[in-house]
PDB file of N, CA and C in Angstrom:
ATOM      1  N   UNK A   1       8.492  15.131  -2.723  1.00  0.00           N
ATOM      2  CA  UNK A   1       9.542  14.779  -3.613  1.00  0.00           C
ATOM      3  C   UNK A   1       9.094  13.619  -4.299  1.00  0.00           C
ATOM      4  N   UNK A   2       9.271  13.504  -5.636  1.00  0.00           N
ATOM      5  CA  UNK A   2       8.715  12.578  -6.486  1.00  0.00           C
ATOM      6  C   UNK A   2       9.947  11.759  -7.275  1.00  0.00           C
ATOM      7  N   UNK A   3       9.763  10.561  -7.433  1.00  0.00           N
ATOM      8  CA  UNK A   3      10.891   9.618  -7.738  1.00  0.00           C
ATOM      9  C   UNK A   3      10.042   8.874  -9.064  1.00  0.00           C
ATOM     10  N   UNK A   4      10.868   8.405 -10.111  1.00  0.00           N
ATOM     11  CA  UNK A   4      10.107   7.504 -10.972  1.00  0.00           C
ATOM     12  C   UNK A   4      10.578   5.934 -10.740  1.00  0.00           C
ATOM     13  N   UNK A   5       9.754   5.202 -10.732  1.00  0.00           N
ATOM     14  CA  UNK A   5      10.295   3.707 -10.866  1.00  0.00           C
ATOM     15  C   UNK A   5      10.061   2.848 -11.892  1.00  0.00           C
ATOM     16  N   UNK A   6      10.781   2.172 -12.454  1.00  0.00           N
ATOM     17  CA  UNK A   6      10.460   1.352 -13.516  1.00  0.00           C
ATOM     18  C   UNK A   6      10.633  -0.037 -13.203  1.00  0.00           C
ATOM     19  N   UNK A   7       9.375  -0.910 -13.501  1.00  0.00           N
ATOM     20  CA  UNK A   7       8.861  -1.935 -12.756  1.00  0.00           C
ATOM     21  C   UNK A   7       8.833  -3.097 -13.781  1.00  0.00           C
ATOM     22  N   UNK A   8       9.448  -4.193 -13.662  1.00  0.00           N
ATOM     23  CA  UNK A   8       9.117  -5.270 -14.426  1.00  0.00           C
ATOM     24  C   UNK A   8       8.400  -6.349 -13.788  1.00  0.00           C
ATOM     25  N   UNK A   9       7.602  -7.125 -14.758  1.00  0.00           N
ATOM     26  CA  UNK A   9       6.646  -7.964 -14.238  1.00  0.00           C
ATOM     27  C   UNK A   9       7.289  -8.985 -13.055  1.00  0.00           C
ATOM     28  N   UNK A  10       6.785  -9.092 -11.950  1.00  0.00           N
ATOM     29  CA  UNK A  10       7.253 -10.144 -11.034  1.00  0.00           C
ATOM     30  C   UNK A  10       8.139  -9.466  -9.919  1.00  0.00           C
ATOM     31  N   UNK A  11       8.398  -8.076 -10.104  1.00  0.00           N
ATOM     32  CA  UNK A  11       9.423  -7.350  -9.277  1.00  0.00           C
ATOM     33  C   UNK A  11       8.718  -7.191  -7.984  1.00  0.00           C
ATOM     34  N   UNK A  12       9.446  -7.151  -6.837  1.00  0.00           N
ATOM     35  CA  UNK A  12       9.004  -7.032  -5.332  1.00  0.00           C
ATOM     36  C   UNK A  12      10.102  -6.008  -4.950  1.00  0.00           C
ATOM     37  N   UNK A  13       9.655  -4.961  -4.655  1.00  0.00           N
ATOM     38  CA  UNK A  13      10.305  -3.818  -4.280  1.00  0.00           C
ATOM     39  C   UNK A  13       9.882  -3.463  -2.882  1.00  0.00           C
ATOM     40  N   UNK A  14      10.784  -3.280  -1.834  1.00  0.00           N
ATOM     41  CA  UNK A  14      10.630  -2.781  -0.524  1.00  0.00           C
ATOM     42  C   UNK A  14      10.974  -1.532  -0.256  1.00  0.00           C
ATOM     43  N   UNK A  15      10.217  -0.468  -0.368  1.00  0.00           N
ATOM     44  CA  UNK A  15      10.578   1.090  -0.001  1.00  0.00           C
ATOM     45  C   UNK A  15      10.776   1.282   1.397  1.00  0.00           C
ATOM     46  N   UNK A  16      11.771   1.895   1.906  1.00  0.00           N
ATOM     47  CA  UNK A  16      12.085   2.417   3.428  1.00  0.00           C
ATOM     48  C   UNK A  16      12.382   3.827   3.270  1.00  0.00           C
ATOM     49  N   UNK A  17      11.750   4.513   4.091  1.00  0.00           N
ATOM     50  CA  UNK A  17      12.337   5.907   4.264  1.00  0.00           C
ATOM     51  C   UNK A  17      12.375   6.132   5.762  1.00  0.00           C
ATOM     52  N   UNK A  18      13.664   6.606   6.066  1.00  0.00           N
ATOM     53  CA  UNK A  18      14.331   6.880   7.314  1.00  0.00           C
ATOM     54  C   UNK A  18      14.241   8.364   7.417  1.00  0.00           C
ATOM     55  N   UNK A  19      13.863   8.983   8.392  1.00  0.00           N
ATOM     56  CA  UNK A  19      13.566  10.329   8.876  1.00  0.00           C
ATOM     57  C   UNK A  19      13.853  10.801  10.413  1.00  0.00           C
ATOM     58  N   UNK A  20      14.162  12.156  10.527  1.00  0.00           N
ATOM     59  CA  UNK A  20      14.181  12.640  11.966  1.00  0.00           C
ATOM     60  C   UNK A  20      13.214  12.077  12.768  1.00  0.00           C
ATOM     61  N   UNK A  21      13.282  11.951  14.123  1.00  0.00           N
ATOM     62  CA  UNK A  21      12.259  11.537  15.074  1.00  0.00           C
ATOM     63  C   UNK A  21      11.336  12.818  15.163  1.00  0.00           C
ATOM     64  N   UNK A  22       9.969  12.619  15.342  1.00  0.00           N
ATOM     65  CA  UNK A  22       9.080  13.588  15.662  1.00  0.00           C
ATOM     66  C   UNK A  22       8.329  14.198  14.188  1.00  0.00           C
ATOM     67  N   UNK A  23       8.778  13.582  13.150  1.00  0.00           N
ATOM     68  CA  UNK A  23       8.402  14.064  11.721  1.00  0.00           C
ATOM     69  C   UNK A  23       7.476  12.890  11.298  1.00  0.00           C
ATOM     70  N   UNK A  24       6.488  13.115  10.330  1.00  0.00           N
ATOM     71  CA  UNK A  24       5.667  12.183   9.798  1.00  0.00           C
ATOM     72  C   UNK A  24       5.726  12.145   8.467  1.00  0.00           C
ATOM     73  N   UNK A  25       6.498  11.224   7.817  1.00  0.00           N
ATOM     74  CA  UNK A  25       6.559  11.060   6.536  1.00  0.00           C
ATOM     75  C   UNK A  25       5.496  10.012   5.920  1.00  0.00           C
ATOM     76  N   UNK A  26       4.943  10.472   4.629  1.00  0.00           N
ATOM     77  CA  UNK A  26       4.052   9.201   4.268  1.00  0.00           C
ATOM     78  C   UNK A  26       4.431   8.977   2.578  1.00  0.00           C
ATOM     79  N   UNK A  27       4.144   7.837   2.233  1.00  0.00           N
ATOM     80  CA  UNK A  27       4.649   7.418   0.791  1.00  0.00           C
ATOM     81  C   UNK A  27       3.316   7.193  -0.042  1.00  0.00           C
ATOM     82  N   UNK A  28       3.349   7.343  -1.292  1.00  0.00           N
ATOM     83  CA  UNK A  28       2.285   7.268  -2.153  1.00  0.00           C
ATOM     84  C   UNK A  28       2.884   6.685  -3.576  1.00  0.00           C
ATOM     85  N   UNK A  29       2.216   5.846  -4.115  1.00  0.00           N
ATOM     86  CA  UNK A  29       2.794   5.210  -5.526  1.00  0.00           C
ATOM     87  C   UNK A  29       1.477   5.388  -6.353  1.00  0.00           C
ATOM     88  N   UNK A  30       1.924   6.130  -7.470  1.00  0.00           N
ATOM     89  CA  UNK A  30       0.833   6.375  -8.628  1.00  0.00           C
ATOM     90  C   UNK A  30       1.463   5.651 -10.200  1.00  0.00           C
ATOM     91  N   UNK A  31       0.533   5.214 -10.833  1.00  0.00           N
ATOM     92  CA  UNK A  31       0.819   4.821 -12.297  1.00  0.00           C
ATOM     93  C   UNK A  31       1.293   6.183 -12.896  1.00  0.00           C
ATOM     94  N   UNK A  32       2.404   5.953 -13.454  1.00  0.00           N
ATOM     95  CA  UNK A  32       2.921   7.183 -14.072  1.00  0.00           C
ATOM     96  C   UNK A  32       2.150   7.690 -15.439  1.00  0.00           C
ATOM     97  N   UNK A  33       1.277   6.498 -15.917  1.00  0.00           N
ATOM     98  CA  UNK A  33       0.643   6.764 -17.399  1.00  0.00           C
ATOM     99  C   UNK A  33      -0.548   7.699 -16.798  1.00  0.00           C
ATOM    100  N   UNK A  34      -1.398   7.312 -15.977  1.00  0.00           N
ATOM    101  CA  UNK A  34      -2.664   8.044 -15.535  1.00  0.00           C
ATOM    102  C   UNK A  34      -2.704   8.611 -14.227  1.00  0.00           C
ATOM    103  N   UNK A  35      -1.710   8.571 -13.335  1.00  0.00           N
ATOM    104  CA  UNK A  35      -1.910   9.143 -12.113  1.00  0.00           C
ATOM    105  C   UNK A  35      -2.734   8.361 -11.111  1.00  0.00           C
ATOM    106  N   UNK A  36      -3.040   7.233 -11.402  1.00  0.00           N
ATOM    107  CA  UNK A  36      -3.897   6.378 -10.510  1.00  0.00           C
ATOM    108  C   UNK A  36      -3.255   6.002  -9.272  1.00  0.00           C
ATOM    109  N   UNK A  37      -3.573   5.978  -8.262  1.00  0.00           N
ATOM    110  CA  UNK A  37      -3.115   5.663  -7.012  1.00  0.00           C
ATOM    111  C   UNK A  37      -2.942   4.058  -7.007  1.00  0.00           C
ATOM    112  N   UNK A  38      -1.948   3.517  -6.784  1.00  0.00           N
ATOM    113  CA  UNK A  38      -1.816   1.933  -6.466  1.00  0.00           C
ATOM    114  C   UNK A  38      -1.419   1.570  -4.988  1.00  0.00           C
ATOM    115  N   UNK A  39      -0.753   2.546  -4.271  1.00  0.00           N
ATOM    116  CA  UNK A  39      -0.156   1.893  -2.908  1.00  0.00           C
ATOM    117  C   UNK A  39      -0.101   3.389  -2.255  1.00  0.00           C
ATOM    118  N   UNK A  40      -0.015   3.002  -0.796  1.00  0.00           N
ATOM    119  CA  UNK A  40       0.320   4.221  -0.079  1.00  0.00           C
ATOM    120  C   UNK A  40       0.741   3.585   1.408  1.00  0.00           C
ATOM    121  N   UNK A  41       1.507   4.331   2.061  1.00  0.00           N
ATOM    122  CA  UNK A  41       1.757   3.919   3.518  1.00  0.00           C
ATOM    123  C   UNK A  41       1.721   5.361   4.242  1.00  0.00           C
ATOM    124  N   UNK A  42       1.025   5.489   5.227  1.00  0.00           N
ATOM    125  CA  UNK A  42       0.478   6.572   5.888  1.00  0.00           C
ATOM    126  C   UNK A  42       0.771   6.553   7.455  1.00  0.00           C
ATOM    127  N   UNK A  43       1.847   5.953   7.925  1.00  0.00           N
ATOM    128  CA  UNK A  43       2.002   5.731   9.295  1.00  0.00           C
ATOM    129  C   UNK A  43       2.236   7.088  10.060  1.00  0.00           C
ATOM    130  N   UNK A  44       2.241   7.219  11.265  1.00  0.00           N
ATOM    131  CA  UNK A  44       2.424   8.215  12.137  1.00  0.00           C
ATOM    132  C   UNK A  44       4.071   8.279  12.249  1.00  0.00           C
ATOM    133  N   UNK A  45       4.150   9.417  13.067  1.00  0.00           N
ATOM    134  CA  UNK A  45       5.603   9.669  13.419  1.00  0.00           C
ATOM    135  C   UNK A  45       6.331   8.541  14.185  1.00  0.00           C
ATOM    136  N   UNK A  46       5.921   7.770  14.781  1.00  0.00           N
ATOM    137  CA  UNK A  46       6.400   6.533  15.568  1.00  0.00           C
ATOM    138  C   UNK A  46       6.791   5.508  14.465  1.00  0.00           C
ATOM    139  N   UNK A  47       6.278   5.430  13.314  1.00  0.00           N
ATOM    140  CA  UNK A  47       6.545   4.602  12.071  1.00  0.00           C
ATOM    141  C   UNK A  47       7.748   4.937  11.464  1.00  0.00           C
ATOM    142  N   UNK A  48       8.815   4.796  12.017  1.00  0.00           N
ATOM    143  CA  UNK A  48      10.222   5.077  11.543  1.00  0.00           C
ATOM    144  C   UNK A  48      11.182   3.917  11.335  1.00  0.00           C
ATOM    145  N   UNK A  49      11.464   3.403  10.278  1.00  0.00           N
ATOM    146  CA  UNK A  49      11.372   4.086   8.964  1.00  0.00           C
ATOM    147  C   UNK A  49       9.879   3.811   8.351  1.00  0.00           C
ATOM    148  N   UNK A  50       9.406   4.573   7.540  1.00  0.00           N
ATOM    149  CA  UNK A  50       8.193   4.216   6.784  1.00  0.00           C
ATOM    150  C   UNK A  50       8.200   3.323   5.985  1.00  0.00           C
ATOM    151  N   UNK A  51       7.371   2.154   5.878  1.00  0.00           N
ATOM    152  CA  UNK A  51       7.779   1.136   4.881  1.00  0.00           C
ATOM    153  C   UNK A  51       6.648   0.901   3.918  1.00  0.00           C
ATOM    154  N   UNK A  52       6.920   0.237   2.813  1.00  0.00           N
ATOM    155  CA  UNK A  52       5.977  -0.008   1.652  1.00  0.00           C
ATOM    156  C   UNK A  52       6.506  -1.106   0.824  1.00  0.00           C
ATOM    157  N   UNK A  53       5.598  -2.406   0.715  1.00  0.00           N
ATOM    158  CA  UNK A  53       6.254  -3.396  -0.189  1.00  0.00           C
ATOM    159  C   UNK A  53       5.196  -3.317  -1.418  1.00  0.00           C
ATOM    160  N   UNK A  54       5.887  -3.438  -2.397  1.00  0.00           N
ATOM    161  CA  UNK A  54       5.355  -3.115  -3.871  1.00  0.00           C
ATOM    162  C   UNK A  54       5.479  -4.593  -4.505  1.00  0.00           C
ATOM    163  N   UNK A  55       4.041  -5.132  -4.895  1.00  0.00           N
ATOM    164  CA  UNK A  55       4.395  -6.338  -5.526  1.00  0.00           C
ATOM    165  C   UNK A  55       3.230  -6.689  -6.364  1.00  0.00           C
ATOM    166  N   UNK A  56       3.277  -7.390  -7.407  1.00  0.00           N
ATOM    167  CA  UNK A  56       2.074  -7.741  -8.252  1.00  0.00           C
ATOM    168  C   UNK A  56       1.719  -6.586  -9.241  1.00  0.00           C
ATOM    169  N   UNK A  57       2.705  -5.740  -9.439  1.00  0.00           N
ATOM    170  CA  UNK A  57       2.131  -4.355 -10.242  1.00  0.00           C
ATOM    171  C   UNK A  57       2.462  -4.882 -11.692  1.00  0.00           C
ATOM    172  N   UNK A  58       1.743  -4.155 -12.357  1.00  0.00           N
ATOM    173  CA  UNK A  58       1.845  -4.305 -13.781  1.00  0.00           C
ATOM    174  C   UNK A  58       3.284  -3.786 -14.263  1.00  0.00           C
ATOM    175  N   UNK A  59       3.714  -4.485 -15.427  1.00  0.00           N
ATOM    176  CA  UNK A  59       4.908  -3.922 -15.897  1.00  0.00           C
ATOM    177  C   UNK A  59       4.963  -2.226 -16.278  1.00  0.00           C
ATOM    178  N   UNK A  60       5.732  -1.440 -16.043  1.00  0.00           N
ATOM    179  CA  UNK A  60       5.693   0.046 -16.349  1.00  0.00           C
ATOM    180  C   UNK A  60       6.120   0.751 -15.372  1.00  0.00           C
ATOM    181  N   UNK A  61       6.134   2.062 -15.628  1.00  0.00           N
ATOM    182  CA  UNK A  61       6.557   3.177 -14.716  1.00  0.00           C
ATOM    183  C   UNK A  61       5.517   3.618 -13.750  1.00  0.00           C
ATOM    184  N   UNK A  62       6.190   3.992 -12.603  1.00  0.00           N
ATOM    185  CA  UNK A  62       5.434   4.228 -11.614  1.00  0.00           C
ATOM    186  C   UNK A  62       6.094   5.651 -10.925  1.00  0.00           C
ATOM    187  N   UNK A  63       5.232   6.281 -10.138  1.00  0.00           N
ATOM    188  CA  UNK A  63       5.627   7.589  -9.329  1.00  0.00           C
ATOM    189  C   UNK A  63       5.562   7.286  -8.056  1.00  0.00           C
ATOM    190  N   UNK A  64       6.813   7.329  -7.173  1.00  0.00           N
ATOM    191  CA  UNK A  64       6.757   7.418  -5.927  1.00  0.00           C
ATOM    192  C   UNK A  64       7.005   8.741  -5.081  1.00  0.00           C
ATOM    193  N   UNK A  65       5.985   8.963  -4.416  1.00  0.00           N
ATOM    194  CA  UNK A  65       6.046  10.244  -3.681  1.00  0.00           C
ATOM    195  C   UNK A  65       6.291  10.104  -2.231  1.00  0.00           C
ATOM    196  N   UNK A  66       7.171  11.146  -1.806  1.00  0.00           N
ATOM    197  CA  UNK A  66       7.584  11.131  -0.396  1.00  0.00           C
ATOM    198  C   UNK A  66       7.123  12.444   0.110  1.00  0.00           C
ATOM    199  N   UNK A  67       6.263  12.367   1.077  1.00  0.00           N
ATOM    200  CA  UNK A  67       5.770  13.709   1.592  1.00  0.00           C
ATOM    201  C   UNK A  67       5.649  13.534   3.113  1.00  0.00           C
ATOM    202  N   UNK A  68       5.874  15.180   3.722  1.00  0.00           N
ATOM    203  CA  UNK A  68       5.529  15.334   4.921  1.00  0.00           C
ATOM    204  C   UNK A  68       4.081  15.497   5.573  1.00  0.00           C
ATOM    205  N   UNK A  69       3.776  14.791   6.120  1.00  0.00           N
ATOM    206  CA  UNK A  69       2.352  14.957   6.850  1.00  0.00           C
ATOM    207  C   UNK A  69       2.445  16.216   7.879  1.00  0.00           C
ATOM    208  N   UNK A  70       1.614  17.272   7.652  1.00  0.00           N
ATOM    209  CA  UNK A  70       1.615  18.239   8.722  1.00  0.00           C
ATOM    210  C   UNK A  70       0.089  18.224   9.258  1.00  0.00           C
ATOM    211  N   UNK A  71       0.260  18.484  10.618  1.00  0.00           N
ATOM    212  CA  UNK A  71      -1.065  18.773  11.302  1.00  0.00           C
ATOM    213  C   UNK A  71      -1.390  20.155  11.108  1.00  0.00           C
ATOM    214  N   UNK A  72      -2.509  20.483  11.658  1.00  0.00           N
ATOM    215  CA  UNK A  72      -2.923  21.926  11.561  1.00  0.00           C
ATOM    216  C   UNK A  72      -1.973  22.930  12.222  1.00  0.00           C
ATOM    217  N   UNK A  73      -1.429  22.581  13.374  1.00  0.00           N
ATOM    218  CA  UNK A  73      -0.375  23.256  13.912  1.00  0.00           C
ATOM    219  C   UNK A  73       1.068  23.556  13.781  1.00  0.00           C
ATOM    220  N   UNK A  74       1.250  22.579  12.639  1.00  0.00           N
ATOM    221  CA  UNK A  74       2.813  22.336  12.236  1.00  0.00           C
ATOM    222  C   UNK A  74       2.867  23.490  11.096  1.00  0.00           C
ATOM    223  N   UNK A  75       4.203  23.868  10.688  1.00  0.00           N
ATOM    224  CA  UNK A  75       4.336  24.600   9.219  1.00  0.00           C
ATOM    225  C   UNK A  75       5.381  23.525   8.635  1.00  0.00           C
ATOM    226  N   UNK A  76       5.287  23.897   7.336  1.00  0.00           N
ATOM    227  CA  UNK A  76       6.100  23.091   6.482  1.00  0.00           C
ATOM    228  C   UNK A  76       7.585  23.545   6.401  1.00  0.00           C
ATOM    229  N   UNK A  77       8.393  22.623   6.297  1.00  0.00           N
ATOM    230  CA  UNK A  77       9.887  23.100   6.178  1.00  0.00           C
ATOM    231  C   UNK A  77      10.737  21.808   5.538  1.00  0.00           C
ATOM    232  N   UNK A  78      11.753  22.007   5.172  1.00  0.00           N
ATOM    233  CA  UNK A  78      12.842  21.078   4.802  1.00  0.00           C
ATOM    234  C   UNK A  78      13.126  20.058   5.625  1.00  0.00           C
ATOM    235  N   UNK A  79      13.269  18.769   5.164  1.00  0.00           N
ATOM    236  CA  UNK A  79      13.676  17.813   6.458  1.00  0.00           C
ATOM    237  C   UNK A  79      14.598  16.792   5.347  1.00  0.00           C
ATOM    238  N   UNK A  80      15.458  16.164   5.996  1.00  0.00           N
ATOM    239  CA  UNK A  80      16.423  15.111   5.430  1.00  0.00           C
ATOM    240  C   UNK A  80      15.838  13.910   5.710  1.00  0.00           C
ATOM    241  N   UNK A  81      15.850  12.898   4.625  1.00  0.00           N
ATOM    242  CA  UNK A  81      15.427  11.664   4.871  1.00  0.00           C
ATOM    243  C   UNK A  81      16.427  10.796   3.934  1.00  0.00           C
ATOM    244  N   UNK A  82      16.138   9.559   4.366  1.00  0.00           N
ATOM    245  CA  UNK A  82      17.002   8.604   3.347  1.00  0.00           C
ATOM    246  C   UNK A  82      16.035   7.520   2.910  1.00  0.00           C
ATOM    247  N   UNK A  83      16.035   7.436   1.569  1.00  0.00           N
ATOM    248  CA  UNK A  83      15.305   6.607   0.804  1.00  0.00           C
ATOM    249  C   UNK A  83      16.037   5.421   0.244  1.00  0.00           C
ATOM    250  N   UNK A  84      15.645   4.075   0.658  1.00  0.00           N
ATOM    251  CA  UNK A  84      16.046   2.825   0.319  1.00  0.00           C
ATOM    252  C   UNK A  84      15.233   2.082  -0.552  1.00  0.00           C
ATOM    253  N   UNK A  85      15.679   1.378  -1.456  1.00  0.00           N
ATOM    254  CA  UNK A  85      14.833   0.376  -2.218  1.00  0.00           C
ATOM    255  C   UNK A  85      15.408  -0.996  -2.063  1.00  0.00           C
ATOM    256  N   UNK A  86      14.867  -1.764  -1.192  1.00  0.00           N
ATOM    257  CA  UNK A  86      15.468  -3.233  -0.954  1.00  0.00           C
ATOM    258  C   UNK A  86      14.798  -4.074  -1.785  1.00  0.00           C
ATOM    259  N   UNK A  87      15.737  -5.014  -2.545  1.00  0.00           N
ATOM    260  CA  UNK A  87      15.279  -6.012  -3.090  1.00  0.00           C
ATOM    261  C   UNK A  87      15.541  -5.704  -4.763  1.00  0.00           C
ATOM    262  N   UNK A  88      16.447  -4.522  -4.777  1.00  0.00           N
ATOM    263  CA  UNK A  88      17.039  -4.360  -5.965  1.00  0.00           C
ATOM    264  C   UNK A  88      18.396  -3.968  -5.684  1.00  0.00           C
ATOM    265  N   UNK A  89      19.380  -3.828  -6.859  1.00  0.00           N
ATOM    266  CA  UNK A  89      20.915  -3.478  -6.631  1.00  0.00           C
ATOM    267  C   UNK A  89      21.118  -2.191  -6.916  1.00  0.00           C
ATOM    268  N   UNK A  90      21.723  -1.353  -6.094  1.00  0.00           N
ATOM    269  CA  UNK A  90      22.051  -0.123  -6.511  1.00  0.00           C
ATOM    270  C   UNK A  90      20.828   0.948  -6.957  1.00  0.00           C
ATOM    271  N   UNK A  91      19.866   0.680  -6.273  1.00  0.00           N
ATOM    272  CA  UNK A  91      18.450   1.360  -6.720  1.00  0.00           C
ATOM    273  C   UNK A  91      18.050   1.515  -8.192  1.00  0.00           C
ATOM    274  N   UNK A  92      18.435   0.451  -8.842  1.00  0.00           N
ATOM    275  CA  UNK A  92      18.491   0.479 -10.406  1.00  0.00           C
ATOM    276  C   UNK A  92      17.035   0.939 -10.814  1.00  0.00           C
ATOM    277  N   UNK A  93      16.050   0.859  -9.959  1.00  0.00           N
ATOM    278  CA  UNK A  93      14.598   1.195 -10.407  1.00  0.00           C
ATOM    279  C   UNK A  93      14.147   2.562 -10.564  1.00  0.00           C
ATOM    280  N   UNK A  94      15.085   3.283  -9.869  1.00  0.00           N
ATOM    281  CA  UNK A  94      14.771   4.658  -9.338  1.00  0.00           C
ATOM    282  C   UNK A  94      15.385   5.753 -10.130  1.00  0.00           C
ATOM    283  N   UNK A  95      14.687   6.863 -10.564  1.00  0.00           N
ATOM    284  CA  UNK A  95      15.172   8.017 -11.151  1.00  0.00           C
ATOM    285  C   UNK A  95      14.261   9.136 -10.722  1.00  0.00           C
ATOM    286  N   UNK A  96      15.105  10.244 -10.522  1.00  0.00           N
ATOM    287  CA  UNK A  96      14.176  11.383  -9.937  1.00  0.00           C
ATOM    288  C   UNK A  96      14.012  12.590 -10.875  1.00  0.00           C
TER     289      UNK A  96
END
């Protein structure tokens, strides 16, 4: 899933993604303008919730990707996760 973040200069955004046990979720942040990767969190299934702190970003729009990591012996499937942006009120940075 991809979400768009609108970031102002000086913003600090804490991204938390909680998910079912035994699943491995990774996060990726790209500049919306050119797709350049600016941050990622790639913990394993024991890192729940997955965490990422965004700071010192240029003002502008960014894409936040939430994806499931699959090993060679796993098959893809839908999972439910909770996405929280701490440091902002009512997730005002986020649009899907």
